[in-house]
Amino acid sequence: MTRYNPLILAAALVIALIAGVLLWRAGSEPVTAGSSGEASSSAQGTGIATIGGPFTLTDETGHEVTDADFTGKYMLIYFGFTSCPDVCPTELQAMTTAIDALGAAGDNIQPVLVSVDPERDTPEVLAPYVKQFSPRLKGLTGTPDQLAAVAKEYKVFYEKVKDETSSDDYTMDHSSVVYLMGPDGKFLTFFGPGTTPDKMAEKIKSLM
């Protein structure tokens, strides 16, 4: 079973959500988090958040993709890994269910899983995994340097930690945040762990 260190994950969320969203522009109105963990839309168009940026990764089919490949579509992006026993599947299911709930509007939203475990999550591993959730879901991986770069762009924490219960003797601690990016690649809002698909769909619809 994956071991999640509460102190590490709490610190990661603070870094990702406060440092990444609230402190980028001193004196501006801060982005606030609601009870379900999603950010308000006050950051939209204000330049407060500098979450997101250019990246080059490899998708589940083995093809190179960049951030430019998603231009023109909204993107729901989550950083996790396929060996994650509970947190990642829960968030991925919420993402894909929310998109389905939006009906035709959901056709313009691309859900994405970026693996933080490149050692195990090859394209061959990602392909069947992402299709368990939705034929829409893209799985991305890359070299350790590529993943470190995109994680930095999205203010995501992850760390390889020893786990004697795992067949590979390690697991991944990581922050658990779903980001909504606009068709122009700009950050719109985030959803914290446990946000329901209904709440997620409602917030996404209000920003489209």
C-alpha atoms as a PDB file:
ATOM      1  CA  MET A   1       0.000   0.000   0.000  1.00  0.00           C
ATOM      2  CA  THR A   2       1.252   3.457  -0.809  1.00  0.00           C
ATOM      3  CA  ARG A   3       2.511   5.387   2.206  1.00  0.00           C
ATOM      4  CA  TYR A   4       1.453   9.030   2.251  1.00  0.00           C
ATOM      5  CA  ASN A   5       3.242  11.172   4.804  1.00  0.00           C
ATOM      6  CA  PRO A   6       0.595  13.660   6.019  1.00  0.00           C
ATOM      7  CA  LEU A   7       3.163  16.286   6.932  1.00  0.00           C
ATOM      8  CA  ILE A   8       4.854  16.084   3.545  1.00  0.00           C
ATOM      9  CA  LEU A   9       1.583  16.220   1.649  1.00  0.00           C
ATOM     10  CA  ALA A  10       0.308  19.091   3.755  1.00  0.00           C
ATOM     11  CA  ALA A  11       3.471  21.037   3.074  1.00  0.00           C
ATOM     12  CA  ALA A  12       3.195  20.257  -0.625  1.00  0.00           C
ATOM     13  CA  LEU A  13      -0.345  21.564  -0.774  1.00  0.00           C
ATOM     14  CA  VAL A  14       0.728  24.764   0.946  1.00  0.00           C
ATOM     15  CA  ILE A  15       3.492  25.216  -1.620  1.00  0.00           C
ATOM     16  CA  ALA A  16       1.287  24.373  -4.585  1.00  0.00           C
ATOM     17  CA  LEU A  17      -1.787  26.301  -3.595  1.00  0.00           C
ATOM     18  CA  ILE A  18      -0.542  29.216  -1.511  1.00  0.00           C
ATOM     19  CA  ALA A  19       2.905  29.939  -2.927  1.00  0.00           C
ATOM     20  CA  GLY A  20       1.753  29.110  -6.417  1.00  0.00           C
ATOM     21  CA  VAL A  21      -1.500  31.052  -6.349  1.00  0.00           C
ATOM     22  CA  LEU A  22      -1.546  33.636  -3.590  1.00  0.00           C
ATOM     23  CA  LEU A  23       1.956  35.075  -3.491  1.00  0.00           C
ATOM     24  CA  TRP A  24       2.891  35.618  -7.107  1.00  0.00           C
ATOM     25  CA  ARG A  25       1.620  39.158  -7.266  1.00  0.00           C
ATOM     26  CA  ALA A  26       1.915  41.152  -4.073  1.00  0.00           C
ATOM     27  CA  GLY A  27      -0.966  43.491  -3.425  1.00  0.00           C
ATOM     28  CA  SER A  28      -3.397  41.678  -5.749  1.00  0.00           C
ATOM     29  CA  GLU A  29      -6.611  40.098  -4.526  1.00  0.00           C
ATOM     30  CA  PRO A  30      -5.755  36.535  -3.454  1.00  0.00           C
ATOM     31  CA  VAL A  31      -7.331  33.392  -4.791  1.00  0.00           C
ATOM     32  CA  THR A  32      -9.322  31.690  -2.050  1.00  0.00           C
ATOM     33  CA  ALA A  33     -10.225  28.044  -1.572  1.00  0.00           C
ATOM     34  CA  GLY A  34     -13.778  26.932  -0.904  1.00  0.00           C
ATOM     35  CA  SER A  35     -14.841  24.168   1.445  1.00  0.00           C
ATOM     36  CA  SER A  36     -14.616  21.578  -1.322  1.00  0.00           C
ATOM     37  CA  GLY A  37     -11.075  22.644  -2.149  1.00  0.00           C
ATOM     38  CA  GLU A  38     -11.654  24.482  -5.413  1.00  0.00           C
ATOM     39  CA  ALA A  39     -10.217  27.947  -5.966  1.00  0.00           C
ATOM     40  CA  SER A  40     -12.308  30.975  -6.697  1.00  0.00           C
ATOM     41  CA  SER A  41     -12.137  32.382 -10.215  1.00  0.00           C
ATOM     42  CA  SER A  42     -10.716  35.706  -9.036  1.00  0.00           C
ATOM     43  CA  ALA A  43      -7.367  34.740 -10.572  1.00  0.00           C
ATOM     44  CA  GLN A  44      -8.852  34.590 -14.042  1.00  0.00           C
ATOM     45  CA  GLY A  45      -7.276  37.266 -16.183  1.00  0.00           C
ATOM     46  CA  THR A  46      -5.489  38.996 -13.270  1.00  0.00           C
ATOM     47  CA  GLY A  47      -2.033  37.471 -13.705  1.00  0.00           C
ATOM     48  CA  ILE A  48      -1.965  36.273 -10.078  1.00  0.00           C
ATOM     49  CA  ALA A  49      -1.237  32.636 -10.758  1.00  0.00           C
ATOM     50  CA  THR A  50       1.760  31.494 -12.732  1.00  0.00           C
ATOM     51  CA  ILE A  51       0.760  27.844 -12.706  1.00  0.00           C
ATOM     52  CA  GLY A  52       1.426  25.959 -15.922  1.00  0.00           C
ATOM     53  CA  GLY A  53       3.808  26.475 -18.776  1.00  0.00           C
ATOM     54  CA  PRO A  54       5.548  24.799 -21.710  1.00  0.00           C
ATOM     55  CA  PHE A  55       6.391  21.121 -21.528  1.00  0.00           C
ATOM     56  CA  THR A  56       7.523  18.223 -23.688  1.00  0.00           C
ATOM     57  CA  LEU A  57       6.453  14.730 -22.613  1.00  0.00           C
ATOM     58  CA  THR A  58       5.528  11.336 -24.078  1.00  0.00           C
ATOM     59  CA  ASP A  59       1.935  10.091 -24.230  1.00  0.00           C
ATOM     60  CA  GLU A  60       0.550   6.601 -23.670  1.00  0.00           C
ATOM     61  CA  THR A  61       0.986   5.783 -27.367  1.00  0.00           C
ATOM     62  CA  GLY A  62       4.702   6.576 -27.249  1.00  0.00           C
ATOM     63  CA  HIS A  63       4.408   9.835 -29.167  1.00  0.00           C
ATOM     64  CA  GLU A  64       5.996  13.110 -28.104  1.00  0.00           C
ATOM     65  CA  VAL A  65       3.508  15.782 -27.070  1.00  0.00           C
ATOM     66  CA  THR A  66       3.905  19.378 -25.974  1.00  0.00           C
ATOM     67  CA  ASP A  67       1.669  21.906 -24.289  1.00  0.00           C
ATOM     68  CA  ALA A  68       0.898  23.287 -27.756  1.00  0.00           C
ATOM     69  CA  ASP A  69      -0.965  20.068 -28.592  1.00  0.00           C
ATOM     70  CA  PHE A  70      -3.636  21.065 -26.063  1.00  0.00           C
ATOM     71  CA  THR A  71      -4.091  24.637 -27.272  1.00  0.00           C
ATOM     72  CA  GLY A  72      -7.737  25.399 -27.988  1.00  0.00           C
ATOM     73  CA  LYS A  73      -9.063  22.994 -25.364  1.00  0.00           C
ATOM     74  CA  TYR A  74      -9.608  23.242 -21.637  1.00  0.00           C
ATOM     75  CA  MET A  75      -7.378  20.833 -19.758  1.00  0.00           C
ATOM     76  CA  LEU A  76      -7.975  19.068 -16.452  1.00  0.00           C
ATOM     77  CA  ILE A  77      -4.548  17.925 -15.338  1.00  0.00           C
ATOM     78  CA  TYR A  78      -3.565  15.715 -12.414  1.00  0.00           C
ATOM     79  CA  PHE A  79      -0.134  14.516 -11.291  1.00  0.00           C
ATOM     80  CA  GLY A  80      -0.115  10.967  -9.926  1.00  0.00           C
ATOM     81  CA  PHE A  81       1.045   7.448 -10.767  1.00  0.00           C
ATOM     82  CA  THR A  82      -0.465   4.130 -11.788  1.00  0.00           C
ATOM     83  CA  SER A  83       0.585   2.205  -8.664  1.00  0.00           C
ATOM     84  CA  CYS A  84      -1.276   4.661  -6.432  1.00  0.00           C
ATOM     85  CA  PRO A  85      -3.889   2.549  -4.603  1.00  0.00           C
ATOM     86  CA  ASP A  86      -6.591   5.053  -3.714  1.00  0.00           C
ATOM     87  CA  VAL A  87      -5.987   8.809  -3.972  1.00  0.00           C
ATOM     88  CA  CYS A  88      -5.114   8.898  -7.678  1.00  0.00           C
ATOM     89  CA  PRO A  89      -7.959   6.623  -8.844  1.00  0.00           C
ATOM     90  CA  THR A  90     -10.434   8.667  -6.821  1.00  0.00           C
ATOM     91  CA  GLU A  91      -9.311  11.962  -8.343  1.00  0.00           C
ATOM     92  CA  LEU A  92      -9.123  10.586 -11.882  1.00  0.00           C
ATOM     93  CA  GLN A  93     -12.629   9.167 -11.551  1.00  0.00           C
ATOM     94  CA  ALA A  94     -13.920  12.507 -10.291  1.00  0.00           C
ATOM     95  CA  MET A  95     -12.300  14.295 -13.247  1.00  0.00           C
ATOM     96  CA  THR A  96     -13.731  12.016 -15.915  1.00  0.00           C
ATOM     97  CA  THR A  97     -17.168  11.834 -14.274  1.00  0.00           C
ATOM     98  CA  ALA A  98     -17.319  15.642 -14.107  1.00  0.00           C
ATOM     99  CA  ILE A  99     -16.471  15.909 -17.799  1.00  0.00           C
ATOM    100  CA  ASP A 100     -19.141  13.362 -18.719  1.00  0.00           C
ATOM    101  CA  ALA A 101     -21.672  15.313 -16.637  1.00  0.00           C
ATOM    102  CA  LEU A 102     -21.037  18.404 -18.781  1.00  0.00           C
ATOM    103  CA  GLY A 103     -22.407  16.652 -21.863  1.00  0.00           C
ATOM    104  CA  ALA A 104     -21.463  18.284 -25.165  1.00  0.00           C
ATOM    105  CA  ALA A 105     -19.478  20.977 -23.343  1.00  0.00           C
ATOM    106  CA  GLY A 106     -17.220  18.247 -22.017  1.00  0.00           C
ATOM    107  CA  ASP A 107     -16.007  17.517 -25.539  1.00  0.00           C
ATOM    108  CA  ASN A 108     -13.824  20.606 -25.289  1.00  0.00           C
ATOM    109  CA  ILE A 109     -12.076  19.412 -22.108  1.00  0.00           C
ATOM    110  CA  GLN A 110      -9.013  17.183 -22.169  1.00  0.00           C
ATOM    111  CA  PRO A 111      -8.328  15.211 -18.976  1.00  0.00           C
ATOM    112  CA  VAL A 112      -4.639  14.446 -18.436  1.00  0.00           C
ATOM    113  CA  LEU A 113      -2.678  12.298 -16.006  1.00  0.00           C
ATOM    114  CA  VAL A 114       1.000  13.198 -15.732  1.00  0.00           C
ATOM    115  CA  SER A 115       2.893  10.385 -14.049  1.00  0.00           C
ATOM    116  CA  VAL A 116       5.398  11.306 -11.362  1.00  0.00           C
ATOM    117  CA  ASP A 117       6.784   7.757 -11.495  1.00  0.00           C
ATOM    118  CA  PRO A 118       8.710   7.533 -14.788  1.00  0.00           C
ATOM    119  CA  GLU A 119      10.641   4.506 -13.592  1.00  0.00           C
ATOM    120  CA  ARG A 120       7.526   2.319 -13.686  1.00  0.00           C
ATOM    121  CA  ASP A 121       5.017   4.289 -15.744  1.00  0.00           C
ATOM    122  CA  THR A 122       6.129   3.665 -19.293  1.00  0.00           C
ATOM    123  CA  PRO A 123       3.705   4.318 -22.169  1.00  0.00           C
ATOM    124  CA  GLU A 124       2.953   0.590 -22.204  1.00  0.00           C
ATOM    125  CA  VAL A 125       1.859   0.765 -18.567  1.00  0.00           C
ATOM    126  CA  LEU A 126      -0.033   4.040 -18.917  1.00  0.00           C
ATOM    127  CA  ALA A 127      -2.095   2.994 -21.955  1.00  0.00           C
ATOM    128  CA  PRO A 128      -4.324   0.364 -20.326  1.00  0.00           C
ATOM    129  CA  TYR A 129      -4.419   2.285 -17.044  1.00  0.00           C
ATOM    130  CA  VAL A 130      -5.883   5.530 -18.382  1.00  0.00           C
ATOM    131  CA  LYS A 131      -8.483   3.699 -20.470  1.00  0.00           C
ATOM    132  CA  GLN A 132      -9.912   2.197 -17.279  1.00  0.00           C
ATOM    133  CA  PHE A 133     -11.212   5.660 -16.450  1.00  0.00           C
ATOM    134  CA  SER A 134     -12.159   7.121 -19.811  1.00  0.00           C
ATOM    135  CA  PRO A 135     -11.210   6.881 -23.486  1.00  0.00           C
ATOM    136  CA  ARG A 136     -10.685  10.651 -23.231  1.00  0.00           C
ATOM    137  CA  LEU A 137      -7.972  10.446 -20.552  1.00  0.00           C
ATOM    138  CA  LYS A 138      -4.411  11.023 -21.755  1.00  0.00           C
ATOM    139  CA  GLY A 139      -1.455   9.608 -19.869  1.00  0.00           C
ATOM    140  CA  LEU A 140       1.858  11.458 -20.028  1.00  0.00           C
ATOM    141  CA  THR A 141       5.312  10.446 -18.881  1.00  0.00           C
ATOM    142  CA  GLY A 142       8.865  11.462 -19.680  1.00  0.00           C
ATOM    143  CA  THR A 143      12.429  11.496 -18.500  1.00  0.00           C
ATOM    144  CA  PRO A 144      13.102  12.439 -14.869  1.00  0.00           C
ATOM    145  CA  ASP A 145      14.323  15.852 -16.042  1.00  0.00           C
ATOM    146  CA  GLN A 146      11.239  16.449 -18.184  1.00  0.00           C
ATOM    147  CA  LEU A 147       8.911  15.544 -15.326  1.00  0.00           C
ATOM    148  CA  ALA A 148      10.837  17.677 -12.865  1.00  0.00           C
ATOM    149  CA  ALA A 149      10.455  20.616 -15.249  1.00  0.00           C
ATOM    150  CA  VAL A 150       6.693  20.249 -15.733  1.00  0.00           C
ATOM    151  CA  ALA A 151       6.159  19.655 -12.005  1.00  0.00           C
ATOM    152  CA  LYS A 152       7.994  22.913 -11.334  1.00  0.00           C
ATOM    153  CA  GLU A 153       5.752  24.724 -13.828  1.00  0.00           C
ATOM    154  CA  TYR A 154       2.643  23.416 -12.059  1.00  0.00           C
ATOM    155  CA  LYS A 155       4.001  23.841  -8.516  1.00  0.00           C
ATOM    156  CA  VAL A 156       3.636  20.112  -7.862  1.00  0.00           C
ATOM    157  CA  PHE A 157       5.507  18.230  -5.147  1.00  0.00           C
ATOM    158  CA  TYR A 158       6.542  14.598  -5.536  1.00  0.00           C
ATOM    159  CA  GLU A 159       9.148  12.387  -3.916  1.00  0.00           C
ATOM    160  CA  LYS A 160      10.260   8.789  -4.202  1.00  0.00           C
ATOM    161  CA  VAL A 161      10.157   7.121  -0.784  1.00  0.00           C
ATOM    162  CA  LYS A 162      11.064   3.664   0.460  1.00  0.00           C
ATOM    163  CA  ASP A 163       8.135   1.274   0.913  1.00  0.00           C
ATOM    164  CA  GLU A 164       8.944  -2.250   2.030  1.00  0.00           C
ATOM    165  CA  THR A 165       5.372  -3.370   1.298  1.00  0.00           C
ATOM    166  CA  SER A 166       5.814  -2.602  -2.415  1.00  0.00           C
ATOM    167  CA  SER A 167       7.261  -5.170  -4.813  1.00  0.00           C
ATOM    168  CA  ASP A 168       9.532  -2.406  -6.093  1.00  0.00           C
ATOM    169  CA  ASP A 169      10.488  -1.287  -2.574  1.00  0.00           C
ATOM    170  CA  TYR A 170       9.316   2.277  -3.171  1.00  0.00           C
ATOM    171  CA  THR A 171       6.276   4.453  -3.643  1.00  0.00           C
ATOM    172  CA  MET A 172       5.659   8.091  -4.523  1.00  0.00           C
ATOM    173  CA  ASP A 173       4.543  10.811  -2.142  1.00  0.00           C
ATOM    174  CA  HIS A 174       2.918  13.635  -4.094  1.00  0.00           C
ATOM    175  CA  SER A 175       0.561  16.564  -3.866  1.00  0.00           C
ATOM    176  CA  SER A 176      -3.000  15.847  -4.988  1.00  0.00           C
ATOM    177  CA  VAL A 177      -4.483  18.775  -6.910  1.00  0.00           C
ATOM    178  CA  VAL A 178      -6.540  18.885 -10.117  1.00  0.00           C
ATOM    179  CA  TYR A 179      -5.828  21.980 -12.212  1.00  0.00           C
ATOM    180  CA  LEU A 180      -8.182  23.486 -14.779  1.00  0.00           C
ATOM    181  CA  MET A 181      -6.297  25.238 -17.572  1.00  0.00           C
ATOM    182  CA  GLY A 182      -7.954  27.402 -20.226  1.00  0.00           C
ATOM    183  CA  PRO A 183      -7.811  26.968 -24.022  1.00  0.00           C
ATOM    184  CA  ASP A 184      -4.924  29.459 -24.014  1.00  0.00           C
ATOM    185  CA  GLY A 185      -2.995  27.345 -21.507  1.00  0.00           C
ATOM    186  CA  LYS A 186      -3.592  29.774 -18.640  1.00  0.00           C
ATOM    187  CA  PHE A 187      -4.521  28.638 -15.140  1.00  0.00           C
ATOM    188  CA  LEU A 188      -8.209  29.042 -14.265  1.00  0.00           C
ATOM    189  CA  THR A 189      -8.783  27.214 -10.985  1.00  0.00           C
ATOM    190  CA  PHE A 190      -7.871  24.140  -8.960  1.00  0.00           C
ATOM    191  CA  PHE A 191      -9.748  21.395  -7.130  1.00  0.00           C
ATOM    192  CA  GLY A 192      -8.481  19.924  -3.891  1.00  0.00           C
ATOM    193  CA  PRO A 193      -8.729  16.276  -2.824  1.00  0.00           C
ATOM    194  CA  GLY A 194     -12.287  15.069  -2.318  1.00  0.00           C
ATOM    195  CA  THR A 195     -14.001  17.594  -4.599  1.00  0.00           C
ATOM    196  CA  THR A 196     -17.110  15.833  -5.893  1.00  0.00           C
ATOM    197  CA  PRO A 197     -17.728  15.437  -9.624  1.00  0.00           C
ATOM    198  CA  ASP A 198     -20.877  17.583  -9.328  1.00  0.00           C
ATOM    199  CA  LYS A 199     -18.984  20.443  -7.690  1.00  0.00           C
ATOM    200  CA  MET A 200     -16.199  20.118 -10.202  1.00  0.00           C
ATOM    201  CA  ALA A 201     -18.580  20.157 -13.160  1.00  0.00           C
ATOM    202  CA  GLU A 202     -20.441  23.161 -11.749  1.00  0.00           C
ATOM    203  CA  LYS A 203     -17.255  25.173 -11.340  1.00  0.00           C
ATOM    204  CA  ILE A 204     -15.913  24.216 -14.753  1.00  0.00           C
ATOM    205  CA  LYS A 205     -19.180  25.194 -16.426  1.00  0.00           C
ATOM    206  CA  SER A 206     -19.064  28.620 -14.767  1.00  0.00           C
ATOM    207  CA  LEU A 207     -15.611  29.239 -16.238  1.00  0.00           C
ATOM    208  CA  MET A 208     -16.246  28.049 -19.783  1.00  0.00           C
END
